[in-house]
Protein backbone atom coordinates (compact mmCIF):
# COMPACT_ATOMS: atom_id res chain seq x y z
CA MET A 1 16.56 -35.70 67.61
CA SER A 2 19.40 -37.84 66.36
CA ASN A 3 21.92 -36.77 63.57
CA ASN A 4 21.37 -39.55 61.17
CA LYS A 5 20.34 -38.53 57.69
CA GLN A 6 16.80 -40.19 57.99
CA ASP A 7 15.82 -38.03 61.02
CA LYS A 8 17.32 -34.84 59.40
CA ASP A 9 14.87 -35.55 56.46
CA TYR A 10 12.03 -35.55 58.81
CA HIS A 11 12.72 -32.24 60.35
CA CYS A 12 10.43 -29.31 59.75
CA SER A 13 10.24 -25.81 61.15
CA LEU A 14 8.26 -22.46 61.13
CA LEU A 15 8.51 -20.69 57.92
CA PRO A 16 10.43 -17.46 58.76
CA PHE A 17 8.44 -14.50 59.66
CA GLU A 18 9.07 -10.72 60.50
CA ARG A 19 7.54 -9.07 63.59
CA THR A 20 7.09 -5.17 63.36
CA ASP A 21 5.30 -4.26 66.63
CA CYS A 22 3.66 -5.63 69.91
CA LEU A 23 0.92 -4.26 71.94
CA SER A 24 -0.73 -5.18 75.28
CA ILE A 25 -4.36 -5.97 75.52
CA GLN A 26 -4.74 -2.50 77.28
CA GLU A 27 -3.29 -0.73 74.39
CA ALA A 28 -5.09 -2.63 71.66
CA LYS A 29 -8.66 -1.54 71.64
CA GLN A 30 -10.39 -3.59 68.98
CA ARG A 31 -9.30 -2.66 65.50
CA SER A 32 -9.71 -4.22 62.02
CA GLY A 33 -6.45 -5.09 60.26
CA TRP A 34 -6.19 -4.16 56.57
CA SER A 35 -7.03 -7.63 55.47
CA ILE A 36 -10.50 -7.43 56.98
CA THR A 37 -11.22 -3.87 55.81
CA ALA A 38 -9.69 -4.43 52.20
CA PHE A 39 -12.10 -7.18 51.40
CA ASN A 40 -15.08 -5.60 53.51
CA LEU A 41 -15.53 -8.68 55.55
CA PRO A 42 -17.96 -7.13 57.98
CA ASN A 43 -20.45 -7.09 55.10
CA THR A 44 -19.99 -10.81 54.72
CA TRP A 45 -20.48 -11.40 58.34
CA LYS A 46 -24.12 -10.31 57.70
CA TYR A 47 -24.53 -13.77 56.14
CA THR A 48 -22.08 -15.84 58.03
CA GLN A 49 -19.36 -15.64 60.64
CA GLY A 50 -18.14 -19.24 60.40
CA GLU A 51 -20.68 -20.88 62.67
CA GLY A 52 -20.54 -24.45 63.05
CA VAL A 53 -17.03 -24.99 61.45
CA VAL A 54 -14.21 -26.44 63.33
CA ILE A 55 -10.64 -25.78 62.09
CA ALA A 56 -7.38 -27.65 63.16
CA VAL A 57 -4.38 -25.46 63.46
CA LEU A 58 -1.20 -27.47 63.41
CA ASP A 59 1.63 -25.14 64.77
CA THR A 60 3.31 -24.21 67.91
CA GLY A 61 0.17 -24.44 69.99
CA CYS A 62 -1.90 -21.59 71.35
CA ASP A 63 -2.36 -19.23 74.27
CA LEU A 64 -5.28 -21.19 75.73
CA ASP A 65 -6.31 -18.21 77.97
CA HIS A 66 -6.01 -15.37 75.69
CA PRO A 67 -9.27 -13.33 76.38
CA ASP A 68 -9.64 -12.67 72.50
CA LEU A 69 -9.53 -16.48 71.83
CA ASP A 70 -10.62 -18.60 74.80
CA ASP A 71 -14.32 -18.90 73.90
CA ASN A 72 -13.60 -20.13 70.41
CA LEU A 73 -10.96 -22.87 71.44
CA LEU A 74 -11.79 -26.67 71.57
CA PRO A 75 -9.63 -29.20 73.27
CA GLY A 76 -6.39 -29.78 71.23
CA LYS A 77 -3.56 -32.14 71.40
CA ASN A 78 0.27 -31.80 72.11
CA PHE A 79 2.50 -33.99 70.10
CA VAL A 80 5.70 -32.41 71.22
CA GLN A 81 5.27 -32.85 75.00
CA ARG A 82 2.99 -35.74 75.43
CA GLY A 83 0.28 -35.41 78.16
CA LYS A 84 0.64 -31.67 78.35
CA PRO A 85 -1.92 -29.18 76.88
CA PRO A 86 -0.93 -27.52 73.61
CA VAL A 87 0.36 -24.23 75.13
CA ASP A 88 2.26 -22.02 72.77
CA GLY A 89 5.58 -20.66 74.02
CA ASN A 90 6.54 -19.20 70.61
CA GLY A 91 3.72 -16.94 69.46
CA HIS A 92 3.25 -18.20 65.94
CA GLY A 93 0.38 -20.66 66.52
CA THR A 94 -1.53 -18.02 68.55
CA HIS A 95 -1.09 -15.43 65.88
CA ILE A 96 -2.44 -17.92 63.29
CA THR A 97 -5.49 -18.72 65.51
CA GLY A 98 -6.23 -15.02 66.00
CA THR A 99 -6.26 -14.48 62.33
CA LEU A 100 -9.01 -17.19 62.14
CA VAL A 101 -11.18 -16.82 65.11
CA ALA A 102 -10.35 -13.85 67.28
CA GLU A 103 -13.77 -12.74 68.89
CA ASN A 104 -15.82 -9.77 67.68
CA ASN A 105 -15.73 -8.11 70.92
CA ASP A 106 -14.32 -4.89 72.13
CA ILE A 107 -10.71 -5.76 72.56
CA GLY A 108 -7.79 -6.53 70.39
CA MET A 109 -8.92 -7.51 66.79
CA VAL A 110 -11.23 -9.72 65.00
CA GLY A 111 -10.68 -12.89 63.05
CA VAL A 112 -11.95 -13.75 59.50
CA CYS A 113 -14.43 -16.24 60.75
CA PRO A 114 -14.98 -15.08 64.35
CA LEU A 115 -17.66 -17.63 65.17
CA ALA A 116 -15.74 -20.66 64.00
CA LYS A 117 -13.72 -22.90 66.43
CA VAL A 118 -10.21 -23.92 66.52
CA ARG A 119 -8.57 -27.10 67.70
CA PRO A 120 -4.94 -26.30 68.52
CA VAL A 121 -2.51 -29.18 67.53
CA LYS A 122 0.93 -28.64 68.88
CA VAL A 123 3.47 -30.14 66.41
CA LEU A 124 6.19 -27.62 66.66
CA ASP A 125 8.17 -26.75 69.80
CA ASP A 126 8.70 -23.29 71.33
CA LYS A 127 11.57 -22.59 69.03
CA GLY A 128 9.51 -23.40 65.94
CA ASN A 129 11.13 -26.72 65.23
CA GLY A 130 9.57 -30.14 65.00
CA ASN A 131 9.43 -33.57 63.41
CA LEU A 132 7.25 -34.11 60.41
CA LEU A 133 6.20 -37.52 61.62
CA ASN A 134 4.39 -35.62 64.41
CA VAL A 135 2.82 -33.41 61.76
CA ALA A 136 1.49 -36.68 60.07
CA LYS A 137 0.11 -37.89 63.45
CA GLY A 138 -1.40 -34.46 64.09
CA ILE A 139 -3.27 -34.52 60.76
CA ARG A 140 -4.62 -37.96 61.44
CA TRP A 141 -5.60 -36.97 65.01
CA ALA A 142 -7.48 -33.89 63.78
CA VAL A 143 -9.38 -35.98 61.04
CA ASN A 144 -10.42 -38.39 63.75
CA GLN A 145 -11.84 -35.45 65.76
CA GLY A 146 -14.03 -34.54 62.96
CA VAL A 147 -12.51 -31.15 61.99
CA ASP A 148 -13.65 -29.58 58.95
CA ILE A 149 -10.58 -27.78 57.67
CA ILE A 150 -6.87 -28.13 58.49
CA SER A 151 -4.47 -25.13 58.52
CA MET A 152 -0.61 -25.68 58.42
CA SER A 153 1.83 -22.78 58.26
CA LEU A 154 4.99 -24.86 58.28
CA GLY A 155 7.19 -26.56 55.77
CA ALA A 156 10.39 -27.81 54.59
CA PRO A 157 12.08 -28.36 51.15
CA VAL A 158 11.88 -32.11 51.54
CA LYS A 159 9.15 -34.71 50.91
CA VAL A 160 7.90 -37.07 53.66
CA GLN A 161 5.62 -39.73 52.47
CA GLN A 162 3.95 -40.27 55.79
CA VAL A 163 2.81 -36.62 55.78
CA ARG A 164 1.43 -36.92 52.20
CA LYS A 165 -0.47 -40.13 53.21
CA ALA A 166 -1.89 -38.28 56.23
CA ILE A 167 -3.06 -35.36 53.92
CA GLN A 168 -4.57 -37.85 51.53
CA PHE A 169 -6.35 -39.60 54.51
CA ALA A 170 -7.83 -36.09 55.27
CA ALA A 171 -8.78 -35.43 51.77
CA ASN A 172 -10.51 -38.83 51.49
CA GLN A 173 -12.69 -37.67 54.42
CA GLY A 174 -13.49 -34.39 52.58
CA ILE A 175 -11.22 -32.34 54.78
CA PRO A 176 -9.07 -29.73 52.81
CA THR A 177 -5.59 -29.03 54.17
CA PHE A 178 -4.30 -25.45 53.46
CA VAL A 179 -0.64 -24.94 53.76
CA ALA A 180 1.55 -21.87 53.66
CA ALA A 181 3.87 -21.95 50.38
CA GLY A 182 7.03 -20.79 52.07
CA ASN A 183 9.05 -17.59 52.37
CA ALA A 184 12.21 -18.30 50.30
CA GLY A 185 11.17 -15.78 47.44
CA ASN A 186 11.61 -16.82 43.77
CA THR A 187 11.79 -20.40 44.09
CA LYS A 188 11.39 -23.38 41.55
CA GLU A 189 8.62 -24.78 43.64
CA VAL A 190 6.64 -24.14 46.87
CA PHE A 191 7.75 -25.93 49.92
CA TYR A 192 6.37 -29.28 51.22
CA PRO A 193 3.83 -30.11 52.21
CA ALA A 194 2.33 -27.13 50.26
CA ASN A 195 3.72 -28.73 47.04
CA TYR A 196 1.55 -31.83 47.27
CA PRO A 197 -1.36 -31.66 44.91
CA GLU A 198 -3.70 -32.64 47.78
CA THR A 199 -3.14 -29.47 49.51
CA ILE A 200 -4.06 -25.97 48.76
CA ALA A 201 -0.97 -23.92 48.73
CA ILE A 202 -1.13 -20.20 49.75
CA GLY A 203 1.25 -17.30 48.99
CA ALA A 204 1.16 -13.77 50.38
CA VAL A 205 0.37 -10.27 49.08
CA ASP A 206 0.73 -6.93 50.67
CA LYS A 207 -1.66 -3.96 51.21
CA LYS A 208 -1.29 -2.90 47.51
CA PHE A 209 -2.21 -6.46 46.50
CA ARG A 210 1.44 -7.10 45.24
CA ARG A 211 3.18 -10.36 45.64
CA ALA A 212 5.40 -10.20 48.67
CA ASN A 213 9.08 -10.58 47.78
CA PHE A 214 9.46 -13.27 50.26
CA SER A 215 6.47 -15.47 48.93
CA ASN A 216 7.52 -18.72 47.30
CA THR A 217 6.81 -19.38 43.67
CA GLY A 218 6.09 -22.49 41.64
CA GLN A 219 3.62 -24.33 39.56
CA ASN A 220 1.77 -25.87 42.45
CA LEU A 221 1.06 -22.39 44.05
CA ASP A 222 -2.79 -22.13 44.15
CA PHE A 223 -3.73 -18.81 45.69
CA MET A 224 -2.61 -15.53 47.24
CA ALA A 225 -3.97 -13.86 50.46
CA PRO A 226 -2.92 -11.13 52.79
CA GLY A 227 0.39 -11.85 54.47
CA VAL A 228 2.24 -8.60 55.02
CA ASP A 229 1.83 -6.59 58.28
CA ILE A 230 -0.90 -8.83 59.75
CA PHE A 231 -2.09 -7.76 63.22
CA SER A 232 -3.19 -10.61 65.55
CA THR A 233 -3.00 -12.20 68.85
CA VAL A 234 0.15 -13.55 70.66
CA PRO A 235 0.69 -15.15 74.04
CA ASN A 236 0.18 -13.31 77.46
CA ASP A 237 -2.77 -11.20 76.17
CA TRP A 238 -0.68 -9.35 73.68
CA TYR A 239 -0.83 -8.49 69.98
CA ALA A 240 1.81 -8.30 67.32
CA THR A 241 2.06 -7.53 63.62
CA LEU A 242 3.77 -10.31 61.59
CA SER A 243 4.52 -10.93 58.01
CA GLY A 244 4.87 -14.18 55.99
CA THR A 245 2.96 -16.82 53.99
CA SER A 246 2.25 -18.23 57.37
CA MET A 247 -0.04 -15.30 57.89
CA ALA A 248 -1.60 -15.64 54.46
CA CYS A 249 -2.65 -19.21 55.05
CA PRO A 250 -5.19 -18.64 57.93
CA PHE A 251 -6.94 -15.88 55.91
CA ALA A 252 -7.63 -18.39 53.15
CA VAL A 253 -8.64 -21.04 55.77
CA GLY A 254 -11.05 -18.35 57.23
CA VAL A 255 -12.67 -17.72 53.98
CA ALA A 256 -13.07 -21.27 53.38
CA ALA A 257 -14.82 -21.54 56.75
CA LEU A 258 -17.24 -18.72 55.78
CA VAL A 259 -18.04 -20.56 52.51
CA LEU A 260 -18.63 -23.87 54.29
CA SER A 261 -20.64 -22.35 57.09
CA TYR A 262 -22.88 -20.32 54.69
CA ALA A 263 -23.58 -23.40 52.47
CA ARG A 264 -24.50 -25.54 55.51
CA ALA A 265 -26.87 -22.90 56.94
CA THR A 266 -28.61 -21.78 53.93
CA LYS A 267 -28.78 -25.00 51.76
CA LYS A 268 -28.69 -22.42 48.74
CA HIS A 269 -25.43 -23.78 47.44
CA GLU A 270 -23.79 -27.19 47.53
CA GLU A 271 -21.52 -27.74 50.36
CA PRO A 272 -17.96 -28.31 49.29
CA LYS A 273 -16.91 -31.89 49.93
CA SER A 274 -13.43 -32.15 48.65
CA VAL A 275 -10.13 -30.20 48.17
CA GLU A 276 -11.05 -29.82 44.37
CA ASP A 277 -14.44 -28.27 45.50
CA TYR A 278 -12.70 -25.62 47.49
CA ARG A 279 -10.11 -25.03 44.74
CA GLU A 280 -12.83 -24.66 42.10
CA ILE A 281 -14.87 -22.25 44.25
CA PHE A 282 -11.96 -19.92 44.86
CA ARG A 283 -10.77 -20.17 41.32
CA LYS A 284 -14.03 -18.36 40.27
CA HIS A 285 -13.59 -15.66 42.81
CA THR A 286 -10.15 -14.18 42.63
CA ILE A 287 -8.54 -10.98 41.48
CA PRO A 288 -4.92 -10.83 39.93
CA VAL A 289 -1.95 -9.46 41.72
CA SER A 290 -1.06 -5.92 41.00
CA ASN A 291 2.64 -6.62 40.10
CA PRO A 292 2.47 -5.90 36.30
CA GLN A 293 5.33 -8.14 35.34
CA GLN A 294 3.59 -11.07 37.15
CA ALA A 295 0.07 -10.81 36.25
CA ASP A 296 -1.62 -13.88 34.83
CA LYS A 297 1.34 -16.03 35.47
CA LYS A 298 0.29 -19.04 37.67
CA PHE A 299 3.95 -19.61 38.63
CA TYR A 300 3.89 -16.26 40.72
CA GLN A 301 0.25 -15.99 41.92
CA GLY A 302 -1.28 -19.33 41.48
CA PHE A 303 -4.97 -18.56 40.42
CA GLY A 304 -4.84 -15.14 42.09
CA ILE A 305 -5.90 -13.45 45.11
CA ILE A 306 -8.91 -15.07 47.00
CA ASP A 307 -11.52 -12.19 47.02
CA PRO A 308 -14.35 -12.70 49.67
CA ARG A 309 -16.25 -9.77 48.08
CA LYS A 310 -16.83 -11.87 44.92
CA LEU A 311 -18.03 -14.72 47.14
CA LEU A 312 -20.54 -12.41 48.70
CA GLU A 313 -21.86 -11.49 45.23
CA VAL A 314 -22.92 -15.07 44.83
CA ALA A 315 -24.64 -15.08 48.21
CA GLU A 316 -26.65 -11.98 47.37
């Protein structure tokens, strides 16, 4: 990448994240992370596990052979190394994918929507850096593949019109784009592309439902989701615990996949067909963050923490 100002403005990267442990597949007999148990997702899985939903994960790629993921992966695309498969040499994209669709088997962990499918789209290199123009291309490619939802745990504090146009292209096809809000703490606004009104911006909470100190703030923040000490897959058949709004975003995407799958299967509720449909559904099924000084302030928590238990009440 050259050093001129225009190219610098197109630069994007992973949102910083923290790693606290790492386990091999032999050490990690299947366990449910706190985000699964806190919202009693196994009860939701009686109704849907995300069947029939396809999610595009725009990130560092994915470990395509991970035994906890491989049955739920569809062909993806590599926009960093053209012509090569979207293999993850970083770990971030594999962790996101595991939070979504890790299989409900006897190993490792289980994802929020364990019967949904993921198309990995590599738009960031193995150091977590990339070009936002590749992000725009990745979004358009995913839309043309007929995905149902787009997940992006990346960002930058600058606008790039090509990315917004690609997100609008997805929105016009009824495909919502969920984006991590950023990990810079108390900010005047969330990072781009989460800051665009056509996206759904996700911040992070911890096990006590408190807003994580690193989670970006801003008026365009939409919802909060578990993003602290999240256990998931990483390359070479391993697992790790990571923290960041990057980890919160796929939880929200997974819940959206459950909503869509249930609506399609039962025909009891109208299928969400727009970004606003998803935003409105989630708004009705949230709980506030537990930080007293931040309660009911959209700037700090958006519309609140997405609560799948409340969505289940509607199903029942």
